[in-house]
PDB file of N, CA and C in Angstrom:
ATOM      1  N   UNK A   1       0.948  -1.453   0.147  1.00  0.00           N
ATOM      2  CA  UNK A   1       0.013  -0.125   0.131  1.00  0.00           C
ATOM      3  C   UNK A   1       0.642   1.216  -0.074  1.00  0.00           C
ATOM      4  N   UNK A   2       0.452   2.213  -0.944  1.00  0.00           N
ATOM      5  CA  UNK A   2       1.148   3.146  -1.063  1.00  0.00           C
ATOM      6  C   UNK A   2       0.896   4.712   0.124  1.00  0.00           C
ATOM      7  N   UNK A   3       2.003   5.213   0.845  1.00  0.00           N
ATOM      8  CA  UNK A   3       1.659   6.340   1.604  1.00  0.00           C
ATOM      9  C   UNK A   3       0.672   7.267   1.190  1.00  0.00           C
ATOM     10  N   UNK A   4      -0.134   7.719   2.370  1.00  0.00           N
ATOM     11  CA  UNK A   4      -1.204   8.857   2.070  1.00  0.00           C
ATOM     12  C   UNK A   4      -0.644  10.189   1.349  1.00  0.00           C
ATOM     13  N   UNK A   5      -0.853  10.964   0.752  1.00  0.00           N
ATOM     14  CA  UNK A   5      -0.777  12.458   0.771  1.00  0.00           C
ATOM     15  C   UNK A   5      -1.653  12.977   1.716  1.00  0.00           C
ATOM     16  N   UNK A   6      -0.843  13.773   2.724  1.00  0.00           N
ATOM     17  CA  UNK A   6      -1.466  14.510   3.967  1.00  0.00           C
ATOM     18  C   UNK A   6      -2.488  15.404   3.450  1.00  0.00           C
ATOM     19  N   UNK A   7      -2.187  16.064   2.203  1.00  0.00           N
ATOM     20  CA  UNK A   7      -3.383  16.976   2.088  1.00  0.00           C
ATOM     21  C   UNK A   7      -4.579  16.734   1.443  1.00  0.00           C
ATOM     22  N   UNK A   8      -4.205  15.504   0.736  1.00  0.00           N
ATOM     23  CA  UNK A   8      -5.513  15.310  -0.176  1.00  0.00           C
ATOM     24  C   UNK A   8      -6.180  13.904   0.316  1.00  0.00           C
ATOM     25  N   UNK A   9      -5.584  13.306   1.310  1.00  0.00           N
ATOM     26  CA  UNK A   9      -5.719  11.716   2.089  1.00  0.00           C
ATOM     27  C   UNK A   9      -5.886  10.630   0.583  1.00  0.00           C
ATOM     28  N   UNK A  10      -5.088  11.033  -0.258  1.00  0.00           N
ATOM     29  CA  UNK A  10      -5.430   9.842  -1.455  1.00  0.00           C
ATOM     30  C   UNK A  10      -3.967   9.097  -1.398  1.00  0.00           C
ATOM     31  N   UNK A  11      -3.845   8.055  -2.106  1.00  0.00           N
ATOM     32  CA  UNK A  11      -2.544   7.342  -2.277  1.00  0.00           C
ATOM     33  C   UNK A  11      -1.472   8.228  -2.806  1.00  0.00           C
ATOM     34  N   UNK A  12      -0.342   8.352  -2.300  1.00  0.00           N
ATOM     35  CA  UNK A  12       0.749   8.923  -3.058  1.00  0.00           C
ATOM     36  C   UNK A  12       1.556   8.514  -4.375  1.00  0.00           C
ATOM     37  N   UNK A  13       1.781   8.901  -5.564  1.00  0.00           N
ATOM     38  CA  UNK A  13       2.148   8.260  -6.411  1.00  0.00           C
ATOM     39  C   UNK A  13       3.405   7.604  -6.423  1.00  0.00           C
ATOM     40  N   UNK A  14       4.089   8.726  -5.951  1.00  0.00           N
ATOM     41  CA  UNK A  14       5.849   8.502  -6.007  1.00  0.00           C
ATOM     42  C   UNK A  14       6.340   9.380  -5.029  1.00  0.00           C
ATOM     43  N   UNK A  15       7.577   9.434  -4.733  1.00  0.00           N
ATOM     44  CA  UNK A  15       8.335  10.167  -3.593  1.00  0.00           C
ATOM     45  C   UNK A  15       8.346   9.782  -2.114  1.00  0.00           C
ATOM     46  N   UNK A  16       9.095  10.299  -1.522  1.00  0.00           N
ATOM     47  CA  UNK A  16       9.263   9.915  -0.128  1.00  0.00           C
ATOM     48  C   UNK A  16       8.400  10.128   0.735  1.00  0.00           C
ATOM     49  N   UNK A  17       8.292   9.532   1.967  1.00  0.00           N
ATOM     50  CA  UNK A  17       7.390  10.005   2.986  1.00  0.00           C
ATOM     51  C   UNK A  17       7.793  11.345   3.723  1.00  0.00           C
ATOM     52  N   UNK A  18       7.215  12.028   3.990  1.00  0.00           N
ATOM     53  CA  UNK A  18       7.140  13.233   4.389  1.00  0.00           C
ATOM     54  C   UNK A  18       7.796  12.820   6.261  1.00  0.00           C
ATOM     55  N   UNK A  19       8.830  13.904   6.531  1.00  0.00           N
ATOM     56  CA  UNK A  19       9.694  13.489   7.953  1.00  0.00           C
ATOM     57  C   UNK A  19       8.527  13.646   9.003  1.00  0.00           C
ATOM     58  N   UNK A  20       7.442  14.128   8.913  1.00  0.00           N
ATOM     59  CA  UNK A  20       6.657  14.079  10.191  1.00  0.00           C
ATOM     60  C   UNK A  20       6.063  12.441  10.142  1.00  0.00           C
ATOM     61  N   UNK A  21       5.425  12.210   9.227  1.00  0.00           N
ATOM     62  CA  UNK A  21       5.128  10.946   9.476  1.00  0.00           C
ATOM     63  C   UNK A  21       5.994   9.685   9.466  1.00  0.00           C
ATOM     64  N   UNK A  22       7.320   9.964   9.280  1.00  0.00           N
ATOM     65  CA  UNK A  22       8.372   9.267   9.516  1.00  0.00           C
ATOM     66  C   UNK A  22       8.586   8.936  11.331  1.00  0.00           C
ATOM     67  N   UNK A  23       8.883  10.275  11.484  1.00  0.00           N
ATOM     68  CA  UNK A  23       8.830  10.538  12.984  1.00  0.00           C
ATOM     69  C   UNK A  23       7.652  10.002  13.869  1.00  0.00           C
ATOM     70  N   UNK A  24       6.558  10.271  13.690  1.00  0.00           N
ATOM     71  CA  UNK A  24       5.419   9.542  14.327  1.00  0.00           C
ATOM     72  C   UNK A  24       5.547   7.893  14.277  1.00  0.00           C
ATOM     73  N   UNK A  25       5.799   7.355  13.303  1.00  0.00           N
ATOM     74  CA  UNK A  25       6.110   5.768  13.102  1.00  0.00           C
ATOM     75  C   UNK A  25       7.201   5.685  14.126  1.00  0.00           C
ATOM     76  N   UNK A  26       8.576   6.253  14.209  1.00  0.00           N
ATOM     77  CA  UNK A  26       9.749   6.097  15.199  1.00  0.00           C
ATOM     78  C   UNK A  26       9.199   6.194  16.573  1.00  0.00           C
ATOM     79  N   UNK A  27       8.387   7.383  16.892  1.00  0.00           N
ATOM     80  CA  UNK A  27       7.961   7.536  18.206  1.00  0.00           C
ATOM     81  C   UNK A  27       6.847   6.087  18.865  1.00  0.00           C
ATOM     82  N   UNK A  28       6.080   5.743  18.270  1.00  0.00           N
ATOM     83  CA  UNK A  28       5.086   4.892  18.211  1.00  0.00           C
ATOM     84  C   UNK A  28       5.890   3.651  18.844  1.00  0.00           C
ATOM     85  N   UNK A  29       6.699   3.431  17.418  1.00  0.00           N
ATOM     86  CA  UNK A  29       7.290   1.905  17.766  1.00  0.00           C
ATOM     87  C   UNK A  29       8.340   1.937  19.026  1.00  0.00           C
ATOM     88  N   UNK A  30       8.969   2.805  19.300  1.00  0.00           N
ATOM     89  CA  UNK A  30      10.051   2.826  20.201  1.00  0.00           C
ATOM     90  C   UNK A  30       9.187   2.962  21.732  1.00  0.00           C
ATOM     91  N   UNK A  31       8.202   4.028  21.282  1.00  0.00           N
ATOM     92  CA  UNK A  31       7.563   3.862  23.035  1.00  0.00           C
ATOM     93  C   UNK A  31       7.678   5.088  23.605  1.00  0.00           C
ATOM     94  N   UNK A  32       8.381   6.001  22.956  1.00  0.00           N
ATOM     95  CA  UNK A  32       8.814   7.060  23.245  1.00  0.00           C
ATOM     96  C   UNK A  32       7.692   7.986  24.240  1.00  0.00           C
ATOM     97  N   UNK A  33       6.479   8.040  23.168  1.00  0.00           N
ATOM     98  CA  UNK A  33       5.331   8.848  23.518  1.00  0.00           C
ATOM     99  C   UNK A  33       4.856   8.375  25.067  1.00  0.00           C
ATOM    100  N   UNK A  34       4.592   6.775  24.988  1.00  0.00           N
ATOM    101  CA  UNK A  34       4.029   6.279  26.548  1.00  0.00           C
ATOM    102  C   UNK A  34       4.948   6.786  27.530  1.00  0.00           C
ATOM    103  N   UNK A  35       6.440   6.330  27.281  1.00  0.00           N
ATOM    104  CA  UNK A  35       7.384   6.923  28.438  1.00  0.00           C
ATOM    105  C   UNK A  35       7.031   8.220  28.699  1.00  0.00           C
ATOM    106  N   UNK A  36       6.793   9.229  27.661  1.00  0.00           N
ATOM    107  CA  UNK A  36       6.539  10.864  28.327  1.00  0.00           C
ATOM    108  C   UNK A  36       5.510  11.078  29.089  1.00  0.00           C
ATOM    109  N   UNK A  37       4.391  10.149  28.378  1.00  0.00           N
ATOM    110  CA  UNK A  37       3.122  10.267  28.953  1.00  0.00           C
ATOM    111  C   UNK A  37       3.331   9.854  30.747  1.00  0.00           C
ATOM    112  N   UNK A  38       4.093   8.686  30.915  1.00  0.00           N
ATOM    113  CA  UNK A  38       4.456   8.387  32.436  1.00  0.00           C
ATOM    114  C   UNK A  38       4.957   9.256  33.143  1.00  0.00           C
ATOM    115  N   UNK A  39       6.160   9.680  32.383  1.00  0.00           N
ATOM    116  CA  UNK A  39       7.021  10.994  33.161  1.00  0.00           C
ATOM    117  C   UNK A  39       6.091  12.139  33.603  1.00  0.00           C
ATOM    118  N   UNK A  40       4.953  12.258  32.731  1.00  0.00           N
ATOM    119  CA  UNK A  40       4.332  13.566  32.705  1.00  0.00           C
ATOM    120  C   UNK A  40       3.183  13.334  34.078  1.00  0.00           C
ATOM    121  N   UNK A  41       2.845  12.028  33.775  1.00  0.00           N
ATOM    122  CA  UNK A  41       1.868  11.858  34.882  1.00  0.00           C
ATOM    123  C   UNK A  41       2.705  11.602  36.003  1.00  0.00           C
ATOM    124  N   UNK A  42       3.860  10.772  36.647  1.00  0.00           N
ATOM    125  CA  UNK A  42       4.806  10.727  37.697  1.00  0.00           C
ATOM    126  C   UNK A  42       5.112  12.292  38.168  1.00  0.00           C
ATOM    127  N   UNK A  43       5.183  12.983  37.383  1.00  0.00           N
ATOM    128  CA  UNK A  43       5.941  14.431  37.857  1.00  0.00           C
ATOM    129  C   UNK A  43       4.688  15.274  38.264  1.00  0.00           C
ATOM    130  N   UNK A  44       3.629  14.969  37.696  1.00  0.00           N
ATOM    131  CA  UNK A  44       2.410  15.761  38.131  1.00  0.00           C
ATOM    132  C   UNK A  44       2.054  15.231  39.554  1.00  0.00           C
ATOM    133  N   UNK A  45       2.200  13.785  39.776  1.00  0.00           N
ATOM    134  CA  UNK A  45       1.808  13.130  41.099  1.00  0.00           C
ATOM    135  C   UNK A  45       2.322  13.571  42.185  1.00  0.00           C
ATOM    136  N   UNK A  46       3.792  13.914  41.913  1.00  0.00           N
ATOM    137  CA  UNK A  46       5.046  14.322  42.900  1.00  0.00           C
ATOM    138  C   UNK A  46       4.628  15.898  42.958  1.00  0.00           C
ATOM    139  N   UNK A  47       4.226  16.681  42.264  1.00  0.00           N
ATOM    140  CA  UNK A  47       3.882  18.221  42.451  1.00  0.00           C
ATOM    141  C   UNK A  47       2.262  18.087  43.444  1.00  0.00           C
ATOM    142  N   UNK A  48       1.596  17.515  43.028  1.00  0.00           N
ATOM    143  CA  UNK A  48       0.220  17.665  43.790  1.00  0.00           C
ATOM    144  C   UNK A  48       0.140  16.679  45.110  1.00  0.00           C
ATOM    145  N   UNK A  49       0.672  15.366  45.307  1.00  0.00           N
ATOM    146  CA  UNK A  49       0.791  14.637  46.244  1.00  0.00           C
ATOM    147  C   UNK A  49       0.865  15.244  47.836  1.00  0.00           C
ATOM    148  N   UNK A  50       1.672  15.878  48.097  1.00  0.00           N
ATOM    149  CA  UNK A  50       2.321  16.310  49.392  1.00  0.00           C
ATOM    150  C   UNK A  50       3.328  15.195  49.871  1.00  0.00           C
ATOM    151  N   UNK A  51       4.408  15.809  50.555  1.00  0.00           N
ATOM    152  CA  UNK A  51       5.439  15.322  51.079  1.00  0.00           C
ATOM    153  C   UNK A  51       5.103  13.918  52.265  1.00  0.00           C
ATOM    154  N   UNK A  52       3.629  14.024  52.751  1.00  0.00           N
ATOM    155  CA  UNK A  52       3.194  13.122  53.334  1.00  0.00           C
ATOM    156  C   UNK A  52       2.802  11.839  52.787  1.00  0.00           C
ATOM    157  N   UNK A  53       2.344  12.102  51.391  1.00  0.00           N
ATOM    158  CA  UNK A  53       1.398  11.315  50.691  1.00  0.00           C
ATOM    159  C   UNK A  53       2.872  10.325  49.910  1.00  0.00           C
ATOM    160  N   UNK A  54       3.430  11.288  49.389  1.00  0.00           N
ATOM    161  CA  UNK A  54       4.726  10.932  48.622  1.00  0.00           C
ATOM    162  C   UNK A  54       5.998   9.997  49.470  1.00  0.00           C
ATOM    163  N   UNK A  55       5.664  10.344  50.684  1.00  0.00           N
ATOM    164  CA  UNK A  55       6.642   9.301  51.280  1.00  0.00           C
ATOM    165  C   UNK A  55       6.344   7.742  51.667  1.00  0.00           C
ATOM    166  N   UNK A  56       5.175   7.608  51.008  1.00  0.00           N
ATOM    167  CA  UNK A  56       4.303   6.268  51.061  1.00  0.00           C
ATOM    168  C   UNK A  56       3.896   5.674  50.106  1.00  0.00           C
ATOM    169  N   UNK A  57       3.990   6.351  49.140  1.00  0.00           N
ATOM    170  CA  UNK A  57       3.394   5.901  47.624  1.00  0.00           C
ATOM    171  C   UNK A  57       4.577   5.897  46.668  1.00  0.00           C
ATOM    172  N   UNK A  58       4.290   5.400  45.535  1.00  0.00           N
ATOM    173  CA  UNK A  58       5.389   5.289  44.339  1.00  0.00           C
ATOM    174  C   UNK A  58       4.133   4.847  43.005  1.00  0.00           C
ATOM    175  N   UNK A  59       4.103   5.793  42.402  1.00  0.00           N
ATOM    176  CA  UNK A  59       3.646   5.693  40.931  1.00  0.00           C
ATOM    177  C   UNK A  59       4.139   4.636  40.069  1.00  0.00           C
ATOM    178  N   UNK A  60       3.331   3.469  39.948  1.00  0.00           N
ATOM    179  CA  UNK A  60       3.555   2.054  39.244  1.00  0.00           C
ATOM    180  C   UNK A  60       3.234   2.159  37.965  1.00  0.00           C
ATOM    181  N   UNK A  61       2.434   3.180  37.092  1.00  0.00           N
ATOM    182  CA  UNK A  61       2.055   3.411  35.835  1.00  0.00           C
ATOM    183  C   UNK A  61       0.210   3.709  35.639  1.00  0.00           C
ATOM    184  N   UNK A  62       0.076   3.655  34.371  1.00  0.00           N
ATOM    185  CA  UNK A  62      -1.314   4.229  34.142  1.00  0.00           C
ATOM    186  C   UNK A  62      -1.845   3.266  33.128  1.00  0.00           C
ATOM    187  N   UNK A  63      -2.900   2.460  32.958  1.00  0.00           N
ATOM    188  CA  UNK A  63      -3.483   2.042  31.867  1.00  0.00           C
ATOM    189  C   UNK A  63      -5.086   2.364  31.928  1.00  0.00           C
ATOM    190  N   UNK A  64      -5.140   2.109  30.790  1.00  0.00           N
ATOM    191  CA  UNK A  64      -6.834   2.851  30.564  1.00  0.00           C
ATOM    192  C   UNK A  64      -7.473   4.000  31.431  1.00  0.00           C
ATOM    193  N   UNK A  65      -6.626   4.901  31.237  1.00  0.00           N
ATOM    194  CA  UNK A  65      -6.705   6.431  31.827  1.00  0.00           C
ATOM    195  C   UNK A  65      -6.772   6.340  33.666  1.00  0.00           C
ATOM    196  N   UNK A  66      -6.239   5.079  33.849  1.00  0.00           N
ATOM    197  CA  UNK A  66      -6.301   4.886  35.610  1.00  0.00           C
ATOM    198  C   UNK A  66      -5.115   4.455  35.986  1.00  0.00           C
ATOM    199  N   UNK A  67      -4.778   5.553  37.170  1.00  0.00           N
ATOM    200  CA  UNK A  67      -3.604   5.964  37.325  1.00  0.00           C
ATOM    201  C   UNK A  67      -3.275   4.650  38.577  1.00  0.00           C
ATOM    202  N   UNK A  68      -2.166   3.826  38.562  1.00  0.00           N
ATOM    203  CA  UNK A  68      -1.837   2.874  39.424  1.00  0.00           C
ATOM    204  C   UNK A  68      -0.540   3.105  40.206  1.00  0.00           C
ATOM    205  N   UNK A  69      -1.092   3.288  41.566  1.00  0.00           N
ATOM    206  CA  UNK A  69      -0.409   3.927  42.806  1.00  0.00           C
ATOM    207  C   UNK A  69      -0.171   2.987  43.788  1.00  0.00           C
ATOM    208  N   UNK A  70       1.297   2.379  44.213  1.00  0.00           N
ATOM    209  CA  UNK A  70       1.226   1.630  45.196  1.00  0.00           C
ATOM    210  C   UNK A  70       1.718   2.167  46.930  1.00  0.00           C
ATOM    211  N   UNK A  71       1.193   1.671  47.623  1.00  0.00           N
ATOM    212  CA  UNK A  71       1.424   2.493  49.141  1.00  0.00           C
ATOM    213  C   UNK A  71       1.861   1.455  49.790  1.00  0.00           C
ATOM    214  N   UNK A  72       2.702   1.779  50.959  1.00  0.00           N
ATOM    215  CA  UNK A  72       3.771   0.996  51.915  1.00  0.00           C
ATOM    216  C   UNK A  72       3.118   0.328  52.782  1.00  0.00           C
ATOM    217  N   UNK A  73       1.579   0.806  53.348  1.00  0.00           N
ATOM    218  CA  UNK A  73       0.821   0.158  54.523  1.00  0.00           C
ATOM    219  C   UNK A  73      -0.377  -0.039  54.315  1.00  0.00           C
ATOM    220  N   UNK A  74      -0.708  -0.922  54.759  1.00  0.00           N
ATOM    221  CA  UNK A  74      -2.665  -1.014  55.060  1.00  0.00           C
ATOM    222  C   UNK A  74      -3.221   0.364  55.541  1.00  0.00           C
ATOM    223  N   UNK A  75      -3.104   0.687  56.313  1.00  0.00           N
ATOM    224  CA  UNK A  75      -3.143   1.976  57.276  1.00  0.00           C
ATOM    225  C   UNK A  75      -3.173   3.054  56.358  1.00  0.00           C
ATOM    226  N   UNK A  76      -1.839   3.490  55.869  1.00  0.00           N
ATOM    227  CA  UNK A  76      -1.732   4.661  54.619  1.00  0.00           C
ATOM    228  C   UNK A  76      -3.159   4.438  53.282  1.00  0.00           C
ATOM    229  N   UNK A  77      -2.713   3.187  52.985  1.00  0.00           N
ATOM    230  CA  UNK A  77      -3.595   2.527  51.757  1.00  0.00           C
ATOM    231  C   UNK A  77      -5.161   3.012  52.257  1.00  0.00           C
ATOM    232  N   UNK A  78      -5.512   2.517  53.363  1.00  0.00           N
ATOM    233  CA  UNK A  78      -6.816   2.918  53.763  1.00  0.00           C
ATOM    234  C   UNK A  78      -7.145   4.499  53.901  1.00  0.00           C
ATOM    235  N   UNK A  79      -6.110   5.213  54.602  1.00  0.00           N
ATOM    236  CA  UNK A  79      -6.683   6.643  54.765  1.00  0.00           C
ATOM    237  C   UNK A  79      -6.626   7.270  53.359  1.00  0.00           C
ATOM    238  N   UNK A  80      -5.682   6.932  52.385  1.00  0.00           N
ATOM    239  CA  UNK A  80      -5.377   7.776  51.254  1.00  0.00           C
ATOM    240  C   UNK A  80      -6.678   7.475  50.141  1.00  0.00           C
ATOM    241  N   UNK A  81      -6.886   5.725  50.048  1.00  0.00           N
ATOM    242  CA  UNK A  81      -8.149   5.530  48.915  1.00  0.00           C
ATOM    243  C   UNK A  81      -9.405   6.263  50.083  1.00  0.00           C
ATOM    244  N   UNK A  82      -9.832   6.574  51.154  1.00  0.00           N
ATOM    245  CA  UNK A  82     -10.906   6.474  52.044  1.00  0.00           C
ATOM    246  C   UNK A  82     -10.831   8.304  52.121  1.00  0.00           C
ATOM    247  N   UNK A  83     -10.095   8.835  52.707  1.00  0.00           N
ATOM    248  CA  UNK A  83     -10.049  10.213  52.741  1.00  0.00           C
ATOM    249  C   UNK A  83      -9.326  11.278  52.026  1.00  0.00           C
ATOM    250  N   UNK A  84      -8.398  10.879  50.878  1.00  0.00           N
ATOM    251  CA  UNK A  84      -7.549  11.800  50.034  1.00  0.00           C
ATOM    252  C   UNK A  84      -7.904  11.275  48.690  1.00  0.00           C
ATOM    253  N   UNK A  85      -8.583  10.296  48.331  1.00  0.00           N
ATOM    254  CA  UNK A  85      -8.535  10.160  46.663  1.00  0.00           C
ATOM    255  C   UNK A  85      -9.202  11.042  45.793  1.00  0.00           C
ATOM    256  N   UNK A  86     -10.576  11.421  46.328  1.00  0.00           N
ATOM    257  CA  UNK A  86     -10.974  12.400  45.648  1.00  0.00           C
ATOM    258  C   UNK A  86     -10.134  13.710  45.124  1.00  0.00           C
ATOM    259  N   UNK A  87     -10.079  14.098  46.304  1.00  0.00           N
ATOM    260  CA  UNK A  87      -9.044  15.266  46.729  1.00  0.00           C
ATOM    261  C   UNK A  87      -7.767  15.136  45.461  1.00  0.00           C
ATOM    262  N   UNK A  88      -7.046  13.975  45.510  1.00  0.00           N
ATOM    263  CA  UNK A  88      -5.553  13.732  44.681  1.00  0.00           C
ATOM    264  C   UNK A  88      -6.055  13.554  43.219  1.00  0.00           C
ATOM    265  N   UNK A  89      -7.225  13.245  42.931  1.00  0.00           N
ATOM    266  CA  UNK A  89      -7.844  12.856  41.460  1.00  0.00           C
ATOM    267  C   UNK A  89      -7.873  14.114  41.092  1.00  0.00           C
ATOM    268  N   UNK A  90      -8.858  14.827  41.843  1.00  0.00           N
ATOM    269  CA  UNK A  90      -9.065  16.414  41.102  1.00  0.00           C
ATOM    270  C   UNK A  90      -7.585  17.080  40.836  1.00  0.00           C
ATOM    271  N   UNK A  91      -7.025  17.316  41.815  1.00  0.00           N
ATOM    272  CA  UNK A  91      -5.511  17.866  41.796  1.00  0.00           C
ATOM    273  C   UNK A  91      -5.007  17.568  40.462  1.00  0.00           C
ATOM    274  N   UNK A  92      -5.016  16.239  40.473  1.00  0.00           N
ATOM    275  CA  UNK A  92      -4.146  15.596  38.985  1.00  0.00           C
ATOM    276  C   UNK A  92      -4.787  15.801  37.966  1.00  0.00           C
ATOM    277  N   UNK A  93      -6.047  15.635  37.922  1.00  0.00           N
ATOM    278  CA  UNK A  93      -6.783  16.130  36.622  1.00  0.00           C
ATOM    279  C   UNK A  93      -6.552  17.371  36.199  1.00  0.00           C
ATOM    280  N   UNK A  94      -6.319  18.288  37.258  1.00  0.00           N
ATOM    281  CA  UNK A  94      -6.532  19.682  37.128  1.00  0.00           C
ATOM    282  C   UNK A  94      -4.999  20.080  36.313  1.00  0.00           C
ATOM    283  N   UNK A  95      -3.792  19.580  37.179  1.00  0.00           N
ATOM    284  CA  UNK A  95      -2.344  19.299  36.732  1.00  0.00           C
ATOM    285  C   UNK A  95      -2.286  19.013  35.255  1.00  0.00           C
ATOM    286  N   UNK A  96      -2.449  18.121  35.181  1.00  0.00           N
ATOM    287  CA  UNK A  96      -2.598  17.045  33.678  1.00  0.00           C
ATOM    288  C   UNK A  96      -3.275  17.826  32.552  1.00  0.00           C
ATOM    289  N   UNK A  97      -4.628  18.657  32.870  1.00  0.00           N
ATOM    290  CA  UNK A  97      -5.342  19.402  31.628  1.00  0.00           C
ATOM    291  C   UNK A  97      -5.445  18.406  30.624  1.00  0.00           C
ATOM    292  N   UNK A  98      -5.987  16.918  30.986  1.00  0.00           N
ATOM    293  CA  UNK A  98      -6.318  15.945  30.103  1.00  0.00           C
ATOM    294  C   UNK A  98      -5.245  15.453  29.544  1.00  0.00           C
ATOM    295  N   UNK A  99      -4.309  15.845  29.677  1.00  0.00           N
ATOM    296  CA  UNK A  99      -2.913  15.126  28.778  1.00  0.00           C
ATOM    297  C   UNK A  99      -1.784  14.660  29.369  1.00  0.00           C
ATOM    298  N   UNK A 100      -1.977  13.097  29.794  1.00  0.00           N
ATOM    299  CA  UNK A 100      -3.094  12.373  29.671  1.00  0.00           C
ATOM    300  C   UNK A 100      -4.402  12.512  30.480  1.00  0.00           C
ATOM    301  N   UNK A 101      -5.235  11.793  29.932  1.00  0.00           N
ATOM    302  CA  UNK A 101      -6.780  12.082  30.593  1.00  0.00           C
ATOM    303  C   UNK A 101      -6.615  11.044  31.562  1.00  0.00           C
ATOM    304  N   UNK A 102      -6.419  11.090  33.051  1.00  0.00           N
ATOM    305  CA  UNK A 102      -6.618  10.315  33.866  1.00  0.00           C
ATOM    306  C   UNK A 102      -8.239  10.373  34.473  1.00  0.00           C
ATOM    307  N   UNK A 103      -9.186   9.215  34.962  1.00  0.00           N
ATOM    308  CA  UNK A 103     -10.395   9.103  35.219  1.00  0.00           C
ATOM    309  C   UNK A 103     -10.563   8.610  36.898  1.00  0.00           C
ATOM    310  N   UNK A 104      -9.296   7.698  37.058  1.00  0.00           N
ATOM    311  CA  UNK A 104      -9.214   7.245  38.434  1.00  0.00           C
ATOM    312  C   UNK A 104      -7.860   6.905  38.737  1.00  0.00           C
ATOM    313  N   UNK A 105      -8.005   6.539  40.056  1.00  0.00           N
ATOM    314  CA  UNK A 105      -6.553   6.384  40.683  1.00  0.00           C
ATOM    315  C   UNK A 105      -6.444   5.184  41.510  1.00  0.00           C
ATOM    316  N   UNK A 106      -6.135   4.129  41.284  1.00  0.00           N
ATOM    317  CA  UNK A 106      -6.145   2.636  41.686  1.00  0.00           C
ATOM    318  C   UNK A 106      -4.823   2.744  42.309  1.00  0.00           C
ATOM    319  N   UNK A 107      -5.180   2.275  44.187  1.00  0.00           N
ATOM    320  CA  UNK A 107      -4.349   2.189  45.124  1.00  0.00           C
ATOM    321  C   UNK A 107      -4.358   0.421  45.320  1.00  0.00           C
ATOM    322  N   UNK A 108      -2.888   0.042  45.542  1.00  0.00           N
ATOM    323  CA  UNK A 108      -2.610  -1.316  45.949  1.00  0.00           C
ATOM    324  C   UNK A 108      -1.538  -1.169  47.028  1.00  0.00           C
ATOM    325  N   UNK A 109      -1.823  -2.282  48.216  1.00  0.00           N
ATOM    326  CA  UNK A 109      -0.615  -2.055  48.943  1.00  0.00           C
ATOM    327  C   UNK A 109       0.361  -3.037  48.376  1.00  0.00           C
ATOM    328  N   UNK A 110       1.784  -2.718  48.674  1.00  0.00           N
ATOM    329  CA  UNK A 110       2.915  -3.165  47.967  1.00  0.00           C
ATOM    330  C   UNK A 110       3.860  -2.711  49.208  1.00  0.00           C
ATOM    331  N   UNK A 111       5.234  -3.440  49.163  1.00  0.00           N
ATOM    332  CA  UNK A 111       6.492  -3.092  50.041  1.00  0.00           C
ATOM    333  C   UNK A 111       7.173  -2.915  49.018  1.00  0.00           C
ATOM    334  N   UNK A 112       8.378  -1.518  49.503  1.00  0.00           N
ATOM    335  CA  UNK A 112       9.105  -0.935  48.590  1.00  0.00           C
ATOM    336  C   UNK A 112      10.447  -1.894  48.745  1.00  0.00           C
ATOM    337  N   UNK A 113      11.081  -2.124  47.490  1.00  0.00           N
ATOM    338  CA  UNK A 113      12.389  -2.838  47.888  1.00  0.00           C
ATOM    339  C   UNK A 113      13.394  -1.888  47.605  1.00  0.00           C
ATOM    340  N   UNK A 114      13.036  -0.523  47.332  1.00  0.00           N
ATOM    341  CA  UNK A 114      14.407   0.614  47.134  1.00  0.00           C
ATOM    342  C   UNK A 114      15.267   0.461  48.493  1.00  0.00           C
TER     343      UNK A 114
END
């Protein structure tokens, strides 16, 4: 299949691919965009969570618009999940401004090996 002409959307008859198309493919295949989204989310979490929450949590990733955060103890997990989750989610959404879009935070119990 021939590459499409970006201005017309029809298959291009000849010529090289535009640099923008090549770079988009390279970024997608290399995972750079995914890594950048993760770094953006983790940085936003560090900015909004506060020292008390940061001391007992670790961002592990995000899937399907859900941030995955590990918490060091069941007591902290209960406190954050019950009393702080809504506030943290709102602050995170405001900080990220929809890029990437986070709709929920899932907290899980974990021990840090660091």
